[in-house]
């Protein structure tokens, strides 16, 4: 097995990793391995969010998405 050294990790990321590992009863190293494994080897079988968004048709105008602000409404 290979080794991977990651440098210059922000303190808050290290803290979050430490907390998550403790909650799951793992060492930080084991938690890091699990995160990498889950993220890189898990396949949902579907398109990525980026691909999904890119597949949306480019129709309409931005103004179509603006909610009207002058609708009448009851005030009590």
PDB file of N, CA and C in Angstrom:
ATOM      1  N   UNK A   1       0.835  -1.195   0.000  1.00  0.00           N
ATOM      2  CA  UNK A   1       0.000   0.000   0.000  1.00  0.00           C
ATOM      3  C   UNK A   1       0.872   1.247   0.000  1.00  0.00           C
ATOM      4  N   UNK A   2       0.397   2.254  -0.641  1.00  0.00           N
ATOM      5  CA  UNK A   2       1.106   3.529  -0.732  1.00  0.00           C
ATOM      6  C   UNK A   2       0.768   4.408   0.466  1.00  0.00           C
ATOM      7  N   UNK A   3       1.595   5.404   0.667  1.00  0.00           N
ATOM      8  CA  UNK A   3       1.340   6.410   1.692  1.00  0.00           C
ATOM      9  C   UNK A   3       1.022   7.726   1.010  1.00  0.00           C
ATOM     10  N   UNK A   4       0.189   8.506   1.670  1.00  0.00           N
ATOM     11  CA  UNK A   4      -0.190   9.806   1.150  1.00  0.00           C
ATOM     12  C   UNK A   4       0.015  10.815   2.267  1.00  0.00           C
ATOM     13  N   UNK A   5       0.781  11.834   1.994  1.00  0.00           N
ATOM     14  CA  UNK A   5       1.030  12.895   2.975  1.00  0.00           C
ATOM     15  C   UNK A   5       0.335  14.150   2.485  1.00  0.00           C
ATOM     16  N   UNK A   6      -0.489  14.708   3.341  1.00  0.00           N
ATOM     17  CA  UNK A   6      -1.221  15.926   3.000  1.00  0.00           C
ATOM     18  C   UNK A   6      -0.718  17.025   3.924  1.00  0.00           C
ATOM     19  N   UNK A   7      -0.219  18.082   3.343  1.00  0.00           N
ATOM     20  CA  UNK A   7       0.344  19.184   4.125  1.00  0.00           C
ATOM     21  C   UNK A   7      -0.560  20.407   4.042  1.00  0.00           C
ATOM     22  N   UNK A   8      -0.311  21.335   4.955  1.00  0.00           N
ATOM     23  CA  UNK A   8      -0.979  22.645   4.963  1.00  0.00           C
ATOM     24  C   UNK A   8      -2.500  22.537   5.070  1.00  0.00           C
ATOM     25  N   UNK A   9      -2.953  21.685   5.980  1.00  0.00           N
ATOM     26  CA  UNK A   9      -4.383  21.539   6.230  1.00  0.00           C
ATOM     27  C   UNK A   9      -4.781  22.566   7.286  1.00  0.00           C
ATOM     28  N   UNK A  10      -5.882  23.268   7.036  1.00  0.00           N
ATOM     29  CA  UNK A  10      -6.352  24.288   7.963  1.00  0.00           C
ATOM     30  C   UNK A  10      -6.697  23.657   9.315  1.00  0.00           C
ATOM     31  N   UNK A  11      -6.437  24.415  10.390  1.00  0.00           N
ATOM     32  CA  UNK A  11      -6.694  23.919  11.741  1.00  0.00           C
ATOM     33  C   UNK A  11      -8.142  23.475  11.923  1.00  0.00           C
ATOM     34  N   UNK A  12      -9.092  24.217  11.338  1.00  0.00           N
ATOM     35  CA  UNK A  12     -10.498  23.860  11.517  1.00  0.00           C
ATOM     36  C   UNK A  12     -10.843  22.541  10.825  1.00  0.00           C
ATOM     37  N   UNK A  13     -10.149  22.227   9.731  1.00  0.00           N
ATOM     38  CA  UNK A  13     -10.368  20.954   9.045  1.00  0.00           C
ATOM     39  C   UNK A  13      -9.835  19.813   9.904  1.00  0.00           C
ATOM     40  N   UNK A  14      -8.672  20.010  10.480  1.00  0.00           N
ATOM     41  CA  UNK A  14      -8.086  18.993  11.356  1.00  0.00           C
ATOM     42  C   UNK A  14      -8.982  18.763  12.567  1.00  0.00           C
ATOM     43  N   UNK A  15      -9.498  19.841  13.156  1.00  0.00           N
ATOM     44  CA  UNK A  15     -10.411  19.704  14.304  1.00  0.00           C
ATOM     45  C   UNK A  15     -11.661  18.925  13.918  1.00  0.00           C
ATOM     46  N   UNK A  16     -12.233  19.261  12.762  1.00  0.00           N
ATOM     47  CA  UNK A  16     -13.448  18.581  12.312  1.00  0.00           C
ATOM     48  C   UNK A  16     -13.175  17.093  12.070  1.00  0.00           C
ATOM     49  N   UNK A  17     -12.026  16.776  11.492  1.00  0.00           N
ATOM     50  CA  UNK A  17     -11.655  15.384  11.258  1.00  0.00           C
ATOM     51  C   UNK A  17     -11.496  14.647  12.585  1.00  0.00           C
ATOM     52  N   UNK A  18     -10.862  15.303  13.534  1.00  0.00           N
ATOM     53  CA  UNK A  18     -10.657  14.698  14.850  1.00  0.00           C
ATOM     54  C   UNK A  18     -11.995  14.414  15.536  1.00  0.00           C
ATOM     55  N   UNK A  19     -12.900  15.364  15.477  1.00  0.00           N
ATOM     56  CA  UNK A  19     -14.222  15.196  16.104  1.00  0.00           C
ATOM     57  C   UNK A  19     -15.001  14.081  15.408  1.00  0.00           C
ATOM     58  N   UNK A  20     -15.019  14.094  14.078  1.00  0.00           N
ATOM     59  CA  UNK A  20     -15.759  13.077  13.332  1.00  0.00           C
ATOM     60  C   UNK A  20     -15.189  11.688  13.603  1.00  0.00           C
ATOM     61  N   UNK A  21     -13.878  11.575  13.648  1.00  0.00           N
ATOM     62  CA  UNK A  21     -13.242  10.286  13.930  1.00  0.00           C
ATOM     63  C   UNK A  21     -13.617   9.794  15.321  1.00  0.00           C
ATOM     64  N   UNK A  22     -13.601  10.686  16.291  1.00  0.00           N
ATOM     65  CA  UNK A  22     -13.944  10.297  17.666  1.00  0.00           C
ATOM     66  C   UNK A  22     -15.392   9.835  17.749  1.00  0.00           C
ATOM     67  N   UNK A  23     -16.283  10.531  17.066  1.00  0.00           N
ATOM     68  CA  UNK A  23     -17.697  10.132  17.078  1.00  0.00           C
ATOM     69  C   UNK A  23     -17.899   8.738  16.507  1.00  0.00           C
ATOM     70  N   UNK A  24     -17.061   8.373  15.566  1.00  0.00           N
ATOM     71  CA  UNK A  24     -17.198   7.071  14.901  1.00  0.00           C
ATOM     72  C   UNK A  24     -16.269   6.015  15.490  1.00  0.00           C
ATOM     73  N   UNK A  25     -15.542   6.392  16.531  1.00  0.00           N
ATOM     74  CA  UNK A  25     -14.661   5.437  17.206  1.00  0.00           C
ATOM     75  C   UNK A  25     -13.466   5.018  16.366  1.00  0.00           C
ATOM     76  N   UNK A  26     -12.951   5.923  15.569  1.00  0.00           N
ATOM     77  CA  UNK A  26     -11.808   5.640  14.706  1.00  0.00           C
ATOM     78  C   UNK A  26     -10.679   6.605  15.002  1.00  0.00           C
ATOM     79  N   UNK A  27      -9.492   6.230  14.549  1.00  0.00           N
ATOM     80  CA  UNK A  27      -8.380   7.171  14.593  1.00  0.00           C
ATOM     81  C   UNK A  27      -8.596   8.190  13.488  1.00  0.00           C
ATOM     82  N   UNK A  28      -7.890   9.308  13.585  1.00  0.00           N
ATOM     83  CA  UNK A  28      -7.977  10.310  12.524  1.00  0.00           C
ATOM     84  C   UNK A  28      -7.502   9.726  11.198  1.00  0.00           C
ATOM     85  N   UNK A  29      -6.469   8.914  11.252  1.00  0.00           N
ATOM     86  CA  UNK A  29      -5.942   8.308  10.031  1.00  0.00           C
ATOM     87  C   UNK A  29      -6.970   7.369   9.396  1.00  0.00           C
ATOM     88  N   UNK A  30      -7.617   6.552  10.215  1.00  0.00           N
ATOM     89  CA  UNK A  30      -8.640   5.641   9.697  1.00  0.00           C
ATOM     90  C   UNK A  30      -9.818   6.418   9.122  1.00  0.00           C
ATOM     91  N   UNK A  31     -10.199   7.500   9.780  1.00  0.00           N
ATOM     92  CA  UNK A  31     -11.307   8.326   9.288  1.00  0.00           C
ATOM     93  C   UNK A  31     -10.942   8.976   7.963  1.00  0.00           C
ATOM     94  N   UNK A  32      -9.718   9.458   7.857  1.00  0.00           N
ATOM     95  CA  UNK A  32      -9.239  10.070   6.617  1.00  0.00           C
ATOM     96  C   UNK A  32      -9.283   9.049   5.479  1.00  0.00           C
ATOM     97  N   UNK A  33      -8.812   7.822   5.748  1.00  0.00           N
ATOM     98  CA  UNK A  33      -8.863   6.773   4.727  1.00  0.00           C
ATOM     99  C   UNK A  33     -10.296   6.492   4.290  1.00  0.00           C
ATOM    100  N   UNK A  34     -11.205   6.421   5.261  1.00  0.00           N
ATOM    101  CA  UNK A  34     -12.609   6.129   4.951  1.00  0.00           C
ATOM    102  C   UNK A  34     -13.242   7.245   4.109  1.00  0.00           C
ATOM    103  N   UNK A  35     -12.936   8.493   4.452  1.00  0.00           N
ATOM    104  CA  UNK A  35     -13.458   9.631   3.679  1.00  0.00           C
ATOM    105  C   UNK A  35     -12.956   9.564   2.239  1.00  0.00           C
ATOM    106  N   UNK A  36     -11.677   9.325   2.059  1.00  0.00           N
ATOM    107  CA  UNK A  36     -11.116   9.221   0.711  1.00  0.00           C
ATOM    108  C   UNK A  36     -11.740   8.053  -0.047  1.00  0.00           C
ATOM    109  N   UNK A  37     -11.852   6.907   0.607  1.00  0.00           N
ATOM    110  CA  UNK A  37     -12.425   5.726  -0.033  1.00  0.00           C
ATOM    111  C   UNK A  37     -13.873   5.992  -0.457  1.00  0.00           C
ATOM    112  N   UNK A  38     -14.674   6.511   0.473  1.00  0.00           N
ATOM    113  CA  UNK A  38     -16.086   6.779   0.172  1.00  0.00           C
ATOM    114  C   UNK A  38     -16.248   7.805  -0.945  1.00  0.00           C
ATOM    115  N   UNK A  39     -15.441   8.836  -0.902  1.00  0.00           N
ATOM    116  CA  UNK A  39     -15.564   9.920  -1.875  1.00  0.00           C
ATOM    117  C   UNK A  39     -15.087   9.501  -3.256  1.00  0.00           C
ATOM    118  N   UNK A  40     -13.989   8.815  -3.319  1.00  0.00           N
ATOM    119  CA  UNK A  40     -13.375   8.531  -4.615  1.00  0.00           C
ATOM    120  C   UNK A  40     -13.826   7.228  -5.263  1.00  0.00           C
ATOM    121  N   UNK A  41     -14.261   6.267  -4.455  1.00  0.00           N
ATOM    122  CA  UNK A  41     -14.603   4.967  -5.022  1.00  0.00           C
ATOM    123  C   UNK A  41     -16.097   4.692  -5.063  1.00  0.00           C
ATOM    124  N   UNK A  42     -16.880   5.484  -4.369  1.00  0.00           N
ATOM    125  CA  UNK A  42     -18.321   5.288  -4.383  1.00  0.00           C
ATOM    126  C   UNK A  42     -18.890   5.893  -5.648  1.00  0.00           C
ATOM    127  N   UNK A  43     -19.748   5.155  -6.276  1.00  0.00           N
ATOM    128  CA  UNK A  43     -20.380   5.662  -7.488  1.00  0.00           C
ATOM    129  C   UNK A  43     -21.883   5.615  -7.300  1.00  0.00           C
ATOM    130  N   UNK A  44     -22.534   6.727  -7.513  1.00  0.00           N
ATOM    131  CA  UNK A  44     -23.980   6.776  -7.385  1.00  0.00           C
ATOM    132  C   UNK A  44     -24.644   6.293  -8.657  1.00  0.00           C
ATOM    133  N   UNK A  45     -23.893   6.136  -9.712  1.00  0.00           N
ATOM    134  CA  UNK A  45     -24.447   5.686 -10.972  1.00  0.00           C
ATOM    135  C   UNK A  45     -25.087   6.799 -11.785  1.00  0.00           C
ATOM    136  N   UNK A  46     -25.245   7.941 -11.192  1.00  0.00           N
ATOM    137  CA  UNK A  46     -25.861   9.054 -11.897  1.00  0.00           C
ATOM    138  C   UNK A  46     -24.836  10.104 -12.271  1.00  0.00           C
ATOM    139  N   UNK A  47     -25.293  11.123 -12.975  1.00  0.00           N
ATOM    140  CA  UNK A  47     -24.364  12.188 -13.357  1.00  0.00           C
ATOM    141  C   UNK A  47     -23.940  13.012 -12.136  1.00  0.00           C
ATOM    142  N   UNK A  48     -22.814  13.657 -12.238  1.00  0.00           N
ATOM    143  CA  UNK A  48     -22.392  14.561 -11.181  1.00  0.00           C
ATOM    144  C   UNK A  48     -23.324  15.766 -11.157  1.00  0.00           C
ATOM    145  N   UNK A  49     -23.327  16.493 -10.072  1.00  0.00           N
ATOM    146  CA  UNK A  49     -24.167  17.682  -9.975  1.00  0.00           C
ATOM    147  C   UNK A  49     -23.808  18.669 -11.080  1.00  0.00           C
ATOM    148  N   UNK A  50     -22.521  18.811 -11.344  1.00  0.00           N
ATOM    149  CA  UNK A  50     -22.071  19.732 -12.399  1.00  0.00           C
ATOM    150  C   UNK A  50     -22.620  19.295 -13.756  1.00  0.00           C
ATOM    151  N   UNK A  51     -22.536  17.993 -14.051  1.00  0.00           N
ATOM    152  CA  UNK A  51     -23.054  17.502 -15.327  1.00  0.00           C
ATOM    153  C   UNK A  51     -24.569  17.663 -15.404  1.00  0.00           C
ATOM    154  N   UNK A  52     -25.246  17.382 -14.293  1.00  0.00           N
ATOM    155  CA  UNK A  52     -26.700  17.515 -14.250  1.00  0.00           C
ATOM    156  C   UNK A  52     -27.119  18.963 -14.513  1.00  0.00           C
ATOM    157  N   UNK A  53     -26.459  19.913 -13.852  1.00  0.00           N
ATOM    158  CA  UNK A  53     -26.776  21.325 -14.060  1.00  0.00           C
ATOM    159  C   UNK A  53     -26.466  21.736 -15.500  1.00  0.00           C
ATOM    160  N   UNK A  54     -25.378  21.230 -16.049  1.00  0.00           N
ATOM    161  CA  UNK A  54     -25.003  21.567 -17.416  1.00  0.00           C
ATOM    162  C   UNK A  54     -25.954  21.005 -18.458  1.00  0.00           C
ATOM    163  N   UNK A  55     -26.702  19.992 -18.086  1.00  0.00           N
ATOM    164  CA  UNK A  55     -27.628  19.385 -19.042  1.00  0.00           C
ATOM    165  C   UNK A  55     -28.958  20.127 -19.118  1.00  0.00           C
ATOM    166  N   UNK A  56     -29.169  21.088 -18.218  1.00  0.00           N
ATOM    167  CA  UNK A  56     -30.423  21.832 -18.228  1.00  0.00           C
ATOM    168  C   UNK A  56     -30.460  22.753 -19.445  1.00  0.00           C
ATOM    169  N   UNK A  57     -31.605  22.814 -20.125  1.00  0.00           N
ATOM    170  CA  UNK A  57     -31.681  23.680 -21.305  1.00  0.00           C
ATOM    171  C   UNK A  57     -31.573  25.153 -20.929  1.00  0.00           C
ATOM    172  N   UNK A  58     -30.976  25.919 -21.811  1.00  0.00           N
ATOM    173  CA  UNK A  58     -30.813  27.355 -21.600  1.00  0.00           C
ATOM    174  C   UNK A  58     -31.997  28.061 -22.254  1.00  0.00           C
ATOM    175  N   UNK A  59     -33.095  28.139 -21.483  1.00  0.00           N
ATOM    176  CA  UNK A  59     -34.315  28.758 -22.007  1.00  0.00           C
ATOM    177  C   UNK A  59     -34.794  29.827 -21.034  1.00  0.00           C
ATOM    178  N   UNK A  60     -35.587  30.750 -21.523  1.00  0.00           N
ATOM    179  CA  UNK A  60     -36.152  31.783 -20.676  1.00  0.00           C
ATOM    180  C   UNK A  60     -35.170  32.903 -20.401  1.00  0.00           C
ATOM    181  N   UNK A  61     -35.666  33.862 -19.636  1.00  0.00           N
ATOM    182  CA  UNK A  61     -34.863  35.013 -19.248  1.00  0.00           C
ATOM    183  C   UNK A  61     -34.754  35.063 -17.736  1.00  0.00           C
ATOM    184  N   UNK A  62     -33.747  35.737 -17.231  1.00  0.00           N
ATOM    185  CA  UNK A  62     -33.582  35.867 -15.787  1.00  0.00           C
ATOM    186  C   UNK A  62     -34.820  36.500 -15.150  1.00  0.00           C
ATOM    187  N   UNK A  63     -35.457  37.393 -15.871  1.00  0.00           N
ATOM    188  CA  UNK A  63     -36.633  38.077 -15.336  1.00  0.00           C
ATOM    189  C   UNK A  63     -37.774  37.102 -15.053  1.00  0.00           C
ATOM    190  N   UNK A  64     -37.777  35.966 -15.721  1.00  0.00           N
ATOM    191  CA  UNK A  64     -38.813  34.952 -15.490  1.00  0.00           C
ATOM    192  C   UNK A  64     -38.746  34.399 -14.069  1.00  0.00           C
ATOM    193  N   UNK A  65     -37.608  34.511 -13.434  1.00  0.00           N
ATOM    194  CA  UNK A  65     -37.418  33.931 -12.109  1.00  0.00           C
ATOM    195  C   UNK A  65     -37.590  34.932 -10.978  1.00  0.00           C
ATOM    196  N   UNK A  66     -37.876  36.171 -11.304  1.00  0.00           N
ATOM    197  CA  UNK A  66     -38.046  37.199 -10.277  1.00  0.00           C
ATOM    198  C   UNK A  66     -39.485  37.145  -9.761  1.00  0.00           C
ATOM    199  N   UNK A  67     -39.625  36.989  -8.446  1.00  0.00           N
ATOM    200  CA  UNK A  67     -40.956  36.935  -7.846  1.00  0.00           C
ATOM    201  C   UNK A  67     -41.535  38.340  -7.787  1.00  0.00           C
ATOM    202  N   UNK A  68     -42.810  38.484  -8.174  1.00  0.00           N
ATOM    203  CA  UNK A  68     -43.425  39.814  -8.096  1.00  0.00           C
ATOM    204  C   UNK A  68     -43.532  40.264  -6.642  1.00  0.00           C
ATOM    205  N   UNK A  69     -43.233  41.513  -6.391  1.00  0.00           N
ATOM    206  CA  UNK A  69     -43.250  42.053  -5.031  1.00  0.00           C
ATOM    207  C   UNK A  69     -44.501  42.865  -4.733  1.00  0.00           C
ATOM    208  N   UNK A  70     -45.314  43.145  -5.728  1.00  0.00           N
ATOM    209  CA  UNK A  70     -46.445  44.041  -5.524  1.00  0.00           C
ATOM    210  C   UNK A  70     -47.787  43.289  -5.499  1.00  0.00           C
ATOM    211  N   UNK A  71     -47.762  42.014  -5.150  1.00  0.00           N
ATOM    212  CA  UNK A  71     -49.009  41.263  -5.079  1.00  0.00           C
ATOM    213  C   UNK A  71     -49.842  41.727  -3.880  1.00  0.00           C
ATOM    214  N   UNK A  72     -51.138  41.867  -4.041  1.00  0.00           N
ATOM    215  CA  UNK A  72     -51.964  42.254  -2.898  1.00  0.00           C
ATOM    216  C   UNK A  72     -52.023  41.126  -1.882  1.00  0.00           C
ATOM    217  N   UNK A  73     -52.083  41.509  -0.604  1.00  0.00           N
ATOM    218  CA  UNK A  73     -52.219  40.503   0.447  1.00  0.00           C
ATOM    219  C   UNK A  73     -52.959  41.124   1.618  1.00  0.00           C
ATOM    220  N   UNK A  74     -53.640  40.281   2.354  1.00  0.00           N
ATOM    221  CA  UNK A  74     -54.394  40.737   3.516  1.00  0.00           C
ATOM    222  C   UNK A  74     -53.456  41.092   4.670  1.00  0.00           C
ATOM    223  N   UNK A  75     -53.762  42.142   5.358  1.00  0.00           N
ATOM    224  CA  UNK A  75     -53.004  42.561   6.536  1.00  0.00           C
ATOM    225  C   UNK A  75     -53.974  42.605   7.694  1.00  0.00           C
ATOM    226  N   UNK A  76     -53.626  41.939   8.759  1.00  0.00           N
ATOM    227  CA  UNK A  76     -54.507  41.947   9.933  1.00  0.00           C
ATOM    228  C   UNK A  76     -53.920  42.771  11.047  1.00  0.00           C
TER     229      UNK A  76
END
